[in-house]
N, C-alpha and C. Protein backbone atom coordinates (compact mmCIF):
# COMPACT_ATOMS: atom_id res chain seq x y z
N MET A 1 -40.70 -82.93 -30.82
CA MET A 1 -39.26 -83.37 -30.43
C MET A 1 -39.20 -83.30 -28.99
N ASP A 2 -40.36 -82.76 -28.09
CA ASP A 2 -40.33 -82.57 -26.79
C ASP A 2 -40.04 -84.13 -25.83
N GLN A 3 -40.59 -85.06 -27.13
CA GLN A 3 -40.73 -86.50 -26.22
C GLN A 3 -39.16 -87.02 -26.16
N PHE A 4 -38.51 -86.64 -26.60
CA PHE A 4 -37.09 -87.16 -26.62
C PHE A 4 -36.14 -86.40 -25.44
N ASP A 5 -35.42 -87.11 -25.16
CA ASP A 5 -34.30 -86.53 -24.26
C ASP A 5 -33.16 -85.64 -24.98
N ASP A 6 -32.32 -85.08 -23.96
CA ASP A 6 -31.67 -84.08 -24.76
C ASP A 6 -30.60 -84.72 -25.67
N GLN A 7 -30.00 -85.74 -25.15
CA GLN A 7 -29.37 -86.71 -25.97
C GLN A 7 -29.58 -87.10 -27.31
N THR A 8 -30.87 -87.86 -27.49
CA THR A 8 -31.65 -88.16 -28.79
C THR A 8 -31.69 -86.77 -29.52
N ARG A 9 -32.13 -85.62 -28.84
CA ARG A 9 -32.66 -84.79 -29.70
C ARG A 9 -31.26 -84.24 -30.40
N THR A 10 -29.98 -84.02 -29.80
CA THR A 10 -28.61 -83.56 -30.03
C THR A 10 -28.74 -84.04 -31.47
N GLU A 11 -28.46 -85.54 -31.11
CA GLU A 11 -28.33 -86.52 -31.95
C GLU A 11 -29.21 -86.41 -33.48
N LEU A 12 -30.42 -86.24 -33.36
CA LEU A 12 -31.44 -85.85 -34.55
C LEU A 12 -30.92 -84.65 -35.18
N GLU A 13 -30.77 -83.83 -34.53
CA GLU A 13 -30.48 -82.36 -35.05
C GLU A 13 -29.07 -82.32 -35.82
N ALA A 14 -27.62 -83.06 -35.13
CA ALA A 14 -26.78 -83.34 -35.74
C ALA A 14 -27.00 -84.24 -36.93
N ALA A 15 -27.70 -84.99 -37.24
CA ALA A 15 -27.98 -85.80 -38.16
C ALA A 15 -28.79 -85.30 -39.47
N ALA A 16 -29.81 -84.16 -39.08
CA ALA A 16 -30.23 -83.29 -39.81
C ALA A 16 -29.11 -82.36 -40.65
N PHE A 17 -28.21 -81.77 -39.79
CA PHE A 17 -27.26 -81.02 -40.06
C PHE A 17 -26.29 -81.72 -41.37
N ARG A 18 -25.86 -83.03 -40.63
CA ARG A 18 -25.02 -83.70 -41.65
C ARG A 18 -25.83 -83.77 -42.92
N ARG A 19 -26.91 -83.97 -42.84
CA ARG A 19 -27.74 -84.17 -44.31
C ARG A 19 -27.91 -83.10 -45.03
N LEU A 20 -27.74 -82.07 -44.20
CA LEU A 20 -28.33 -80.64 -45.10
C LEU A 20 -26.83 -80.28 -45.65
N VAL A 21 -25.73 -80.40 -45.08
CA VAL A 21 -24.39 -80.11 -45.35
C VAL A 21 -24.24 -81.28 -46.37
N ASP A 22 -24.48 -82.57 -46.60
CA ASP A 22 -24.12 -83.19 -47.66
C ASP A 22 -24.75 -83.21 -48.98
N HIS A 23 -26.00 -82.25 -48.80
CA HIS A 23 -27.09 -82.04 -49.75
C HIS A 23 -26.53 -80.70 -50.40
N LEU A 24 -25.84 -79.85 -49.59
CA LEU A 24 -25.52 -78.75 -50.33
C LEU A 24 -24.21 -78.93 -51.10
N ARG A 25 -23.32 -79.77 -50.80
CA ARG A 25 -22.18 -80.70 -51.24
C ARG A 25 -22.51 -81.05 -52.62
N THR A 26 -23.77 -81.72 -52.77
CA THR A 26 -24.27 -82.42 -54.03
C THR A 26 -24.73 -81.20 -55.09
N ARG A 27 -25.04 -80.09 -54.24
CA ARG A 27 -25.81 -79.21 -55.28
C ARG A 27 -24.67 -77.89 -55.45
N THR A 28 -23.94 -78.19 -56.21
CA THR A 28 -22.75 -76.97 -56.33
C THR A 28 -23.41 -76.13 -57.38
N ASP A 29 -24.79 -76.63 -57.97
CA ASP A 29 -24.97 -75.34 -59.14
C ASP A 29 -25.76 -74.38 -58.43
N VAL A 30 -26.13 -74.63 -56.99
CA VAL A 30 -26.61 -73.55 -56.02
C VAL A 30 -25.76 -72.60 -55.64
N GLN A 31 -25.92 -71.59 -55.69
CA GLN A 31 -24.77 -70.61 -55.67
C GLN A 31 -25.22 -69.80 -54.01
N ASN A 32 -24.28 -69.29 -53.50
CA ASN A 32 -24.38 -69.22 -51.91
C ASN A 32 -25.27 -67.74 -52.29
N LEU A 33 -25.02 -67.06 -53.30
CA LEU A 33 -25.80 -65.69 -53.16
C LEU A 33 -27.54 -66.40 -53.50
N ASP A 34 -27.87 -67.17 -54.06
CA ASP A 34 -28.98 -67.84 -54.42
C ASP A 34 -29.80 -68.27 -53.29
N LEU A 35 -28.81 -68.90 -52.29
CA LEU A 35 -29.04 -69.27 -51.15
C LEU A 35 -29.40 -67.98 -50.15
N MET A 36 -28.55 -67.19 -50.22
CA MET A 36 -28.69 -66.10 -49.34
C MET A 36 -30.04 -64.96 -49.57
N ASN A 37 -30.11 -64.95 -50.99
CA ASN A 37 -31.46 -64.14 -51.46
C ASN A 37 -32.67 -65.02 -51.14
N LEU A 38 -32.72 -66.32 -51.30
CA LEU A 38 -33.93 -66.81 -50.78
C LEU A 38 -34.18 -67.48 -49.26
N ALA A 39 -33.20 -67.84 -48.81
CA ALA A 39 -33.40 -68.37 -47.32
C ALA A 39 -32.51 -67.58 -46.33
N GLY A 40 -31.95 -66.79 -46.67
CA GLY A 40 -31.44 -65.76 -45.58
C GLY A 40 -30.00 -66.55 -45.04
N PHE A 41 -29.24 -67.40 -45.59
CA PHE A 41 -28.32 -68.09 -44.99
C PHE A 41 -27.88 -68.84 -46.33
N CYS A 42 -26.32 -69.10 -46.04
CA CYS A 42 -25.57 -69.90 -47.16
C CYS A 42 -24.67 -70.85 -46.76
N ARG A 43 -23.83 -71.57 -47.25
CA ARG A 43 -22.81 -72.22 -47.01
C ARG A 43 -21.60 -71.80 -45.98
N ASN A 44 -21.55 -70.49 -46.36
CA ASN A 44 -20.59 -69.68 -45.27
C ASN A 44 -21.20 -69.35 -43.99
N CYS A 45 -22.70 -69.25 -44.05
CA CYS A 45 -23.26 -69.05 -42.87
C CYS A 45 -23.00 -70.47 -41.91
N LEU A 46 -23.38 -71.44 -42.37
CA LEU A 46 -23.35 -72.78 -41.60
C LEU A 46 -22.09 -72.94 -41.13
N SER A 47 -20.88 -72.68 -41.88
CA SER A 47 -19.72 -72.98 -41.52
C SER A 47 -19.15 -71.64 -40.42
N ASN A 48 -19.65 -70.76 -40.55
CA ASN A 48 -19.74 -69.81 -39.51
C ASN A 48 -20.74 -70.31 -38.17
N TRP A 49 -21.68 -70.74 -38.25
CA TRP A 49 -22.28 -71.29 -37.11
C TRP A 49 -21.43 -72.24 -36.25
N LEU A 50 -20.88 -73.51 -37.52
CA LEU A 50 -19.99 -74.33 -36.70
C LEU A 50 -19.00 -73.80 -35.76
N LYS A 51 -18.29 -72.79 -36.73
CA LYS A 51 -17.33 -72.24 -35.70
C LYS A 51 -17.44 -71.75 -34.58
N ASP A 52 -18.61 -70.87 -34.59
CA ASP A 52 -19.12 -70.14 -33.54
C ASP A 52 -19.59 -71.51 -32.44
N ALA A 53 -20.14 -72.29 -32.82
CA ALA A 53 -20.29 -73.69 -31.63
C ALA A 53 -19.04 -74.07 -31.26
N ALA A 54 -17.99 -74.21 -31.84
CA ALA A 54 -16.91 -74.67 -31.46
C ALA A 54 -16.06 -73.59 -30.76
N ASP A 55 -16.30 -72.44 -30.65
CA ASP A 55 -15.87 -71.17 -30.06
C ASP A 55 -16.49 -71.19 -28.51
N VAL A 56 -17.96 -71.41 -28.70
CA VAL A 56 -18.85 -71.51 -27.41
C VAL A 56 -17.87 -72.48 -26.52
N ARG A 57 -17.35 -73.69 -26.91
CA ARG A 57 -17.08 -74.91 -26.00
C ARG A 57 -15.34 -74.54 -26.03
N SER A 58 -15.05 -73.55 -26.56
CA SER A 58 -13.48 -73.48 -26.42
C SER A 58 -12.57 -74.46 -27.41
N LEU A 59 -13.59 -74.89 -28.28
CA LEU A 59 -12.67 -76.12 -29.01
C LEU A 59 -12.11 -75.33 -30.41
N PRO A 60 -11.11 -75.93 -30.62
CA PRO A 60 -10.03 -75.24 -31.49
C PRO A 60 -10.62 -75.78 -32.85
N LEU A 61 -11.36 -74.67 -33.60
CA LEU A 61 -11.86 -74.83 -35.17
C LEU A 61 -11.21 -73.50 -35.56
N SER A 62 -10.59 -73.43 -36.79
CA SER A 62 -10.46 -72.19 -37.40
C SER A 62 -11.41 -72.10 -38.60
N LYS A 63 -11.64 -70.80 -38.97
CA LYS A 63 -12.47 -70.62 -40.07
C LYS A 63 -12.39 -71.32 -41.31
N GLU A 64 -11.21 -71.70 -41.71
CA GLU A 64 -10.87 -72.27 -42.89
C GLU A 64 -11.29 -73.70 -42.36
N GLU A 65 -11.01 -74.25 -41.71
CA GLU A 65 -11.32 -75.72 -41.16
C GLU A 65 -13.05 -75.85 -41.22
N SER A 66 -13.67 -75.08 -40.66
CA SER A 66 -15.16 -75.21 -40.53
C SER A 66 -15.48 -75.28 -42.12
N ARG A 67 -15.34 -74.10 -43.07
CA ARG A 67 -15.27 -73.72 -44.39
C ARG A 67 -15.40 -75.26 -44.93
N THR A 68 -13.91 -75.69 -44.88
CA THR A 68 -13.78 -77.02 -45.47
C THR A 68 -14.58 -78.12 -45.13
N HIS A 69 -15.05 -78.32 -43.84
CA HIS A 69 -15.91 -79.32 -43.57
C HIS A 69 -17.26 -79.09 -44.28
N VAL A 70 -17.99 -77.89 -44.41
CA VAL A 70 -18.91 -77.66 -44.87
C VAL A 70 -19.12 -77.83 -46.40
N TYR A 71 -17.85 -77.28 -47.05
CA TYR A 71 -17.85 -77.39 -48.56
C TYR A 71 -17.28 -78.77 -48.74
N GLY A 72 -16.69 -79.12 -48.39
CA GLY A 72 -16.24 -80.89 -48.32
C GLY A 72 -14.70 -80.80 -49.40
N MET A 73 -14.15 -79.51 -49.17
CA MET A 73 -13.36 -79.00 -49.79
C MET A 73 -12.66 -77.93 -49.26
N PRO A 74 -11.16 -77.43 -49.51
CA PRO A 74 -11.01 -76.06 -48.92
C PRO A 74 -11.88 -74.95 -49.97
N TYR A 75 -11.87 -73.90 -49.18
CA TYR A 75 -13.25 -73.07 -49.78
C TYR A 75 -12.59 -72.24 -51.03
N GLY A 76 -11.43 -72.10 -51.32
CA GLY A 76 -10.72 -71.54 -52.42
C GLY A 76 -11.01 -72.28 -53.72
N GLU A 77 -10.63 -73.89 -53.36
CA GLU A 77 -10.74 -74.68 -54.18
C GLU A 77 -12.40 -74.72 -54.80
N TRP A 78 -13.63 -74.72 -53.77
CA TRP A 78 -14.63 -74.90 -54.54
C TRP A 78 -15.18 -73.76 -54.76
N LYS A 79 -14.55 -72.53 -54.60
CA LYS A 79 -14.91 -70.96 -55.63
C LYS A 79 -14.47 -71.17 -57.07
N ALA A 80 -13.05 -71.86 -56.97
CA ALA A 80 -12.70 -72.19 -58.42
C ALA A 80 -13.68 -73.25 -59.18
N LEU A 81 -14.02 -74.02 -58.59
CA LEU A 81 -14.48 -75.30 -59.34
C LEU A 81 -16.02 -74.73 -59.50
N HIS A 82 -16.76 -74.11 -58.40
CA HIS A 82 -18.07 -74.01 -58.70
C HIS A 82 -18.64 -72.62 -58.85
N GLN A 83 -18.23 -71.82 -58.15
CA GLN A 83 -18.82 -70.27 -58.39
C GLN A 83 -18.75 -69.51 -59.38
N THR A 84 -19.92 -69.00 -59.69
CA THR A 84 -20.14 -68.45 -61.00
C THR A 84 -20.16 -66.70 -60.87
N GLU A 85 -19.95 -66.32 -61.80
CA GLU A 85 -20.17 -64.66 -61.65
C GLU A 85 -21.65 -64.27 -61.20
N ALA A 86 -21.79 -63.66 -60.35
CA ALA A 86 -23.08 -63.16 -59.99
C ALA A 86 -23.96 -62.05 -60.81
N ALA A 87 -25.16 -62.33 -60.99
CA ALA A 87 -25.80 -61.52 -62.19
C ALA A 87 -25.86 -60.12 -61.18
N PRO A 88 -25.96 -58.89 -62.07
CA PRO A 88 -26.40 -57.85 -61.26
C PRO A 88 -27.84 -57.78 -60.55
N ASP A 89 -28.74 -58.25 -61.37
CA ASP A 89 -30.16 -58.45 -60.74
C ASP A 89 -29.84 -59.04 -59.23
N LYS A 90 -29.40 -60.44 -59.26
CA LYS A 90 -29.15 -61.01 -57.67
C LYS A 90 -28.30 -60.42 -56.73
N LEU A 91 -27.34 -59.69 -57.31
CA LEU A 91 -26.56 -58.82 -56.53
C LEU A 91 -27.59 -57.70 -56.22
N ALA A 92 -28.14 -56.95 -56.44
CA ALA A 92 -29.30 -56.02 -56.04
C ALA A 92 -30.08 -56.53 -55.03
N ALA A 93 -30.59 -57.79 -55.37
CA ALA A 93 -31.75 -58.48 -54.60
C ALA A 93 -30.82 -58.62 -53.19
N PHE A 94 -29.67 -59.33 -53.14
CA PHE A 94 -28.85 -59.40 -52.09
C PHE A 94 -28.57 -57.99 -51.08
N GLU A 95 -28.29 -56.95 -51.73
CA GLU A 95 -27.90 -55.66 -51.10
C GLU A 95 -29.39 -54.97 -50.81
N THR A 96 -30.46 -55.53 -51.12
CA THR A 96 -31.79 -54.71 -50.62
C THR A 96 -32.18 -55.99 -49.19
N ALA A 97 -31.81 -57.41 -49.10
CA ALA A 97 -32.51 -58.32 -48.45
C ALA A 97 -31.31 -58.76 -47.49
N LYS A 98 -29.81 -58.48 -47.36
CA LYS A 98 -28.97 -58.63 -46.65
C LYS A 98 -29.27 -58.59 -45.39
N PRO A 99 -28.59 -59.61 -44.48
CA PRO A 99 -28.78 -59.29 -42.83
C PRO A 99 -27.90 -58.00 -42.68
N HIS A 100 -28.42 -57.60 -41.47
CA HIS A 100 -27.20 -56.45 -40.90
C HIS A 100 -26.45 -56.85 -40.21
């Protein structure tokens, strides 16, 4: 990526982020806990990172707005439609590996 100017690199990274978000919106079968246990991040992390980026630039973006962007709907609605109860073994794995 060193061969690209900053604007092009930013555009490519933004396109990759959008594709990741779109992918996660279609994979509602993959729970956030599964993502956290396997990859160390989840949809909530992405929404927090998006909000952090807006905060750095002093742009008005609420936590709920950033979550709605990542989930493609309000967070509470996504949870009601797609979130399942976590199995005890998955919760234990999360407690062992969760970021501090």
